[in-house]
C-alpha atoms as a PDB file:
ATOM      1  CA  UNK A   1      71.590 151.760  96.021  1.00  0.00           C
ATOM      2  CA  UNK A   2      74.335 154.705  96.496  1.00  0.00           C
ATOM      3  CA  UNK A   3      76.410 153.143  99.078  1.00  0.00           C
ATOM      4  CA  UNK A   4      76.137 149.572  98.197  1.00  0.00           C
ATOM      5  CA  UNK A   5      79.562 149.335  97.004  1.00  0.00           C
ATOM      6  CA  UNK A   6      80.610 150.892 100.516  1.00  0.00           C
ATOM      7  CA  UNK A   7      78.729 148.802 102.486  1.00  0.00           C
ATOM      8  CA  UNK A   8      79.546 145.431 101.164  1.00  0.00           C
ATOM      9  CA  UNK A   9      83.099 146.238 100.646  1.00  0.00           C
ATOM     10  CA  UNK A  10      83.060 147.180 105.054  1.00  0.00           C
ATOM     11  CA  UNK A  11      80.638 144.319 106.200  1.00  0.00           C
ATOM     12  CA  UNK A  12      82.562 141.538 103.764  1.00  0.00           C
ATOM     13  CA  UNK A  13      79.464 140.177 102.098  1.00  0.00           C
ATOM     14  CA  UNK A  14      76.741 140.899  99.927  1.00  0.00           C
ATOM     15  CA  UNK A  15      74.485 143.596 100.829  1.00  0.00           C
ATOM     16  CA  UNK A  16      71.299 141.043 100.521  1.00  0.00           C
ATOM     17  CA  UNK A  17      73.080 139.200 103.049  1.00  0.00           C
ATOM     18  CA  UNK A  18      72.957 141.985 105.726  1.00  0.00           C
ATOM     19  CA  UNK A  19      70.163 142.900 107.969  1.00  0.00           C
ATOM     20  CA  UNK A  20      69.813 146.659 108.971  1.00  0.00           C
ATOM     21  CA  UNK A  21      67.862 148.325 111.863  1.00  0.00           C
ATOM     22  CA  UNK A  22      67.289 152.230 111.381  1.00  0.00           C
ATOM     23  CA  UNK A  23      67.303 154.131 114.522  1.00  0.00           C
ATOM     24  CA  UNK A  24      66.196 158.075 114.590  1.00  0.00           C
ATOM     25  CA  UNK A  25      66.925 160.587 116.874  1.00  0.00           C
ATOM     26  CA  UNK A  26      66.371 164.840 117.261  1.00  0.00           C
ATOM     27  CA  UNK A  27      68.878 166.598 118.622  1.00  0.00           C
ATOM     28  CA  UNK A  28      69.256 169.895 120.473  1.00  0.00           C
ATOM     29  CA  UNK A  29      72.997 170.725 120.637  1.00  0.00           C
ATOM     30  CA  UNK A  30      73.368 173.845 122.827  1.00  0.00           C
ATOM     31  CA  UNK A  31      76.544 176.441 123.606  1.00  0.00           C
ATOM     32  CA  UNK A  32      79.864 174.043 124.342  1.00  0.00           C
ATOM     33  CA  UNK A  33      78.225 170.997 122.076  1.00  0.00           C
ATOM     34  CA  UNK A  34      81.359 169.874 119.823  1.00  0.00           C
ATOM     35  CA  UNK A  35      82.415 166.539 118.246  1.00  0.00           C
ATOM     36  CA  UNK A  36      86.151 165.779 117.343  1.00  0.00           C
ATOM     37  CA  UNK A  37      87.123 164.045 114.570  1.00  0.00           C
ATOM     38  CA  UNK A  38      85.867 160.512 114.382  1.00  0.00           C
ATOM     39  CA  UNK A  39      84.858 158.122 111.193  1.00  0.00           C
ATOM     40  CA  UNK A  40      81.618 156.782 113.267  1.00  0.00           C
ATOM     41  CA  UNK A  41      80.794 153.459 115.183  1.00  0.00           C
ATOM     42  CA  UNK A  42      81.742 150.272 113.191  1.00  0.00           C
ATOM     43  CA  UNK A  43      77.775 149.200 114.245  1.00  0.00           C
ATOM     44  CA  UNK A  44      76.457 151.894 111.804  1.00  0.00           C
ATOM     45  CA  UNK A  45      76.026 151.062 108.450  1.00  0.00           C
ATOM     46  CA  UNK A  46      74.783 154.598 107.263  1.00  0.00           C
ATOM     47  CA  UNK A  47      74.758 158.324 109.019  1.00  0.00           C
ATOM     48  CA  UNK A  48      72.397 160.769 107.579  1.00  0.00           C
ATOM     49  CA  UNK A  49      71.524 164.157 109.374  1.00  0.00           C
ATOM     50  CA  UNK A  50      68.694 166.522 108.648  1.00  0.00           C
ATOM     51  CA  UNK A  51      69.508 170.076 109.334  1.00  0.00           C
ATOM     52  CA  UNK A  52      66.542 171.915 111.259  1.00  0.00           C
ATOM     53  CA  UNK A  53      67.729 175.564 111.607  1.00  0.00           C
ATOM     54  CA  UNK A  54      65.093 178.211 111.761  1.00  0.00           C
ATOM     55  CA  UNK A  55      67.084 180.503 109.318  1.00  0.00           C
ATOM     56  CA  UNK A  56      70.383 180.833 107.515  1.00  0.00           C
ATOM     57  CA  UNK A  57      71.658 182.559 110.721  1.00  0.00           C
ATOM     58  CA  UNK A  58      73.586 179.353 111.446  1.00  0.00           C
ATOM     59  CA  UNK A  59      75.649 178.442 108.630  1.00  0.00           C
ATOM     60  CA  UNK A  60      78.702 178.042 109.930  1.00  0.00           C
ATOM     61  CA  UNK A  61      77.324 175.424 112.502  1.00  0.00           C
ATOM     62  CA  UNK A  62      77.390 172.694 110.017  1.00  0.00           C
ATOM     63  CA  UNK A  63      79.551 169.184 109.973  1.00  0.00           C
ATOM     64  CA  UNK A  64      82.945 169.429 108.827  1.00  0.00           C
ATOM     65  CA  UNK A  65      84.054 166.362 106.747  1.00  0.00           C
ATOM     66  CA  UNK A  66      88.100 165.307 106.986  1.00  0.00           C
ATOM     67  CA  UNK A  67      90.673 163.300 105.116  1.00  0.00           C
ATOM     68  CA  UNK A  68      93.609 161.827 106.700  1.00  0.00           C
ATOM     69  CA  UNK A  69      96.831 162.955 105.732  1.00  0.00           C
ATOM     70  CA  UNK A  70      99.800 160.213 105.773  1.00  0.00           C
ATOM     71  CA  UNK A  71     101.301 161.498 108.240  1.00  0.00           C
ATOM     72  CA  UNK A  72      98.174 160.928 110.620  1.00  0.00           C
ATOM     73  CA  UNK A  73      96.877 164.423 110.837  1.00  0.00           C
ATOM     74  CA  UNK A  74      93.791 165.764 109.249  1.00  0.00           C
ATOM     75  CA  UNK A  75      92.921 168.238 106.792  1.00  0.00           C
ATOM     76  CA  UNK A  76      89.201 169.133 106.004  1.00  0.00           C
ATOM     77  CA  UNK A  77      87.940 167.836 102.680  1.00  0.00           C
ATOM     78  CA  UNK A  78      84.361 169.730 103.071  1.00  0.00           C
ATOM     79  CA  UNK A  79      82.326 171.920 105.311  1.00  0.00           C
ATOM     80  CA  UNK A  80      78.437 171.168 104.678  1.00  0.00           C
ATOM     81  CA  UNK A  81      76.263 174.507 105.966  1.00  0.00           C
ATOM     82  CA  UNK A  82      73.894 174.079 108.802  1.00  0.00           C
ATOM     83  CA  UNK A  83      71.083 175.815 106.808  1.00  0.00           C
ATOM     84  CA  UNK A  84      67.389 175.006 106.185  1.00  0.00           C
ATOM     85  CA  UNK A  85      66.594 172.578 103.598  1.00  0.00           C
ATOM     86  CA  UNK A  86      69.958 170.303 104.094  1.00  0.00           C
ATOM     87  CA  UNK A  87      71.469 167.557 105.240  1.00  0.00           C
ATOM     88  CA  UNK A  88      74.161 164.935 104.137  1.00  0.00           C
ATOM     89  CA  UNK A  89      74.281 161.348 104.765  1.00  0.00           C
ATOM     90  CA  UNK A  90      77.037 158.875 104.010  1.00  0.00           C
ATOM     91  CA  UNK A  91      78.333 154.963 103.983  1.00  0.00           C
ATOM     92  CA  UNK A  92      79.903 154.373 107.816  1.00  0.00           C
ATOM     93  CA  UNK A  93      83.720 153.450 106.885  1.00  0.00           C
ATOM     94  CA  UNK A  94      86.796 153.021 108.842  1.00  0.00           C
ATOM     95  CA  UNK A  95      87.662 156.446 106.696  1.00  0.00           C
ATOM     96  CA  UNK A  96      84.591 158.486 107.064  1.00  0.00           C
ATOM     97  CA  UNK A  97      86.079 161.043 109.590  1.00  0.00           C
ATOM     98  CA  UNK A  98      84.046 163.843 110.572  1.00  0.00           C
ATOM     99  CA  UNK A  99      83.533 166.809 113.262  1.00  0.00           C
ATOM    100  CA  UNK A 100      81.779 169.565 113.975  1.00  0.00           C
ATOM    101  CA  UNK A 101      83.660 172.630 115.886  1.00  0.00           C
ATOM    102  CA  UNK A 102      82.664 173.887 119.045  1.00  0.00           C
ATOM    103  CA  UNK A 103      79.408 176.149 120.042  1.00  0.00           C
ATOM    104  CA  UNK A 104      79.757 179.361 121.353  1.00  0.00           C
ATOM    105  CA  UNK A 105      77.674 180.956 123.874  1.00  0.00           C
ATOM    106  CA  UNK A 106      76.239 183.223 120.702  1.00  0.00           C
ATOM    107  CA  UNK A 107      74.825 180.552 119.041  1.00  0.00           C
ATOM    108  CA  UNK A 108      70.978 179.475 118.923  1.00  0.00           C
ATOM    109  CA  UNK A 109      70.470 176.007 119.900  1.00  0.00           C
ATOM    110  CA  UNK A 110      71.361 173.494 116.333  1.00  0.00           C
ATOM    111  CA  UNK A 111      68.313 171.085 116.228  1.00  0.00           C
ATOM    112  CA  UNK A 112      68.587 168.430 113.503  1.00  0.00           C
ATOM    113  CA  UNK A 113      67.366 164.842 113.024  1.00  0.00           C
ATOM    114  CA  UNK A 114      69.426 161.730 112.156  1.00  0.00           C
ATOM    115  CA  UNK A 115      68.381 158.831 110.530  1.00  0.00           C
ATOM    116  CA  UNK A 116      71.169 155.989 111.300  1.00  0.00           C
ATOM    117  CA  UNK A 117      70.666 152.894 109.844  1.00  0.00           C
ATOM    118  CA  UNK A 118      72.898 150.209 111.844  1.00  0.00           C
ATOM    119  CA  UNK A 119      73.220 146.372 111.239  1.00  0.00           C
ATOM    120  CA  UNK A 120      70.954 144.486 112.800  1.00  0.00           C
ATOM    121  CA  UNK A 121      73.126 141.979 115.574  1.00  0.00           C
ATOM    122  CA  UNK A 122      70.032 139.795 115.907  1.00  0.00           C
ATOM    123  CA  UNK A 123      67.320 139.034 118.472  1.00  0.00           C
ATOM    124  CA  UNK A 124      68.964 138.659 121.607  1.00  0.00           C
ATOM    125  CA  UNK A 125      71.753 141.845 121.268  1.00  0.00           C
ATOM    126  CA  UNK A 126      69.151 144.413 119.636  1.00  0.00           C
ATOM    127  CA  UNK A 127      66.101 142.663 122.496  1.00  0.00           C
ATOM    128  CA  UNK A 128      69.062 143.329 125.004  1.00  0.00           C
ATOM    129  CA  UNK A 129      69.635 147.184 123.694  1.00  0.00           C
ATOM    130  CA  UNK A 130      65.695 147.712 123.388  1.00  0.00           C
ATOM    131  CA  UNK A 131      64.554 147.014 127.065  1.00  0.00           C
ATOM    132  CA  UNK A 132      68.075 148.829 128.342  1.00  0.00           C
ATOM    133  CA  UNK A 133      66.754 151.940 126.444  1.00  0.00           C
ATOM    134  CA  UNK A 134      62.909 151.180 127.843  1.00  0.00           C
ATOM    135  CA  UNK A 135      64.503 150.997 131.758  1.00  0.00           C
ATOM    136  CA  UNK A 136      66.582 154.201 130.973  1.00  0.00           C
ATOM    137  CA  UNK A 137      63.527 155.930 130.084  1.00  0.00           C
ATOM    138  CA  UNK A 138      61.305 154.671 133.050  1.00  0.00           C
ATOM    139  CA  UNK A 139      64.640 155.680 135.339  1.00  0.00           C
ATOM    140  CA  UNK A 140      64.747 159.128 133.377  1.00  0.00           C
ATOM    141  CA  UNK A 141      60.866 159.766 134.350  1.00  0.00           C
ATOM    142  CA  UNK A 142      60.713 158.874 137.616  1.00  0.00           C
ATOM    143  CA  UNK A 143      63.505 160.403 138.709  1.00  0.00           C
ATOM    144  CA  UNK A 144      62.953 163.731 136.470  1.00  0.00           C
ATOM    145  CA  UNK A 145      65.732 163.478 134.717  1.00  0.00           C
ATOM    146  CA  UNK A 146      66.250 164.701 131.054  1.00  0.00           C
ATOM    147  CA  UNK A 147      68.595 164.914 128.121  1.00  0.00           C
ATOM    148  CA  UNK A 148      69.388 167.183 125.259  1.00  0.00           C
ATOM    149  CA  UNK A 149      67.979 164.606 122.830  1.00  0.00           C
ATOM    150  CA  UNK A 150      65.303 162.758 122.038  1.00  0.00           C
ATOM    151  CA  UNK A 151      65.631 158.939 121.179  1.00  0.00           C
ATOM    152  CA  UNK A 152      62.486 157.148 119.592  1.00  0.00           C
END
């Protein structure tokens, strides 16, 4: 497994003793969308994103990866292009910094599929999360609310 070493280092135990739970979400990011530099939640094990643009006109909307400088600032180490048939994946660590520049009014929607592997925290916590998601979906349907992304 490509990320085995990083996962075991972060988790502090053998990968054979870790339970995983996969979560996937279709996203449609629109004008004004941005993500500041962050390393992802420690609940996550692996983050992947599959870009779904119509054509190559949105390459400037890709995810940026960063490294932290000794003074606490960041520098860009790699920029993904938001292009057809592309995407990325990384093991989530305290130093897996990434961001997305703000989208302008001229940008078409940024469609993508994220597949995230989380640590499975057991039936009590995971069951509560499932019920919470189902209640939120029911509430949104009853009151006609919508969101910018679909969760499955």
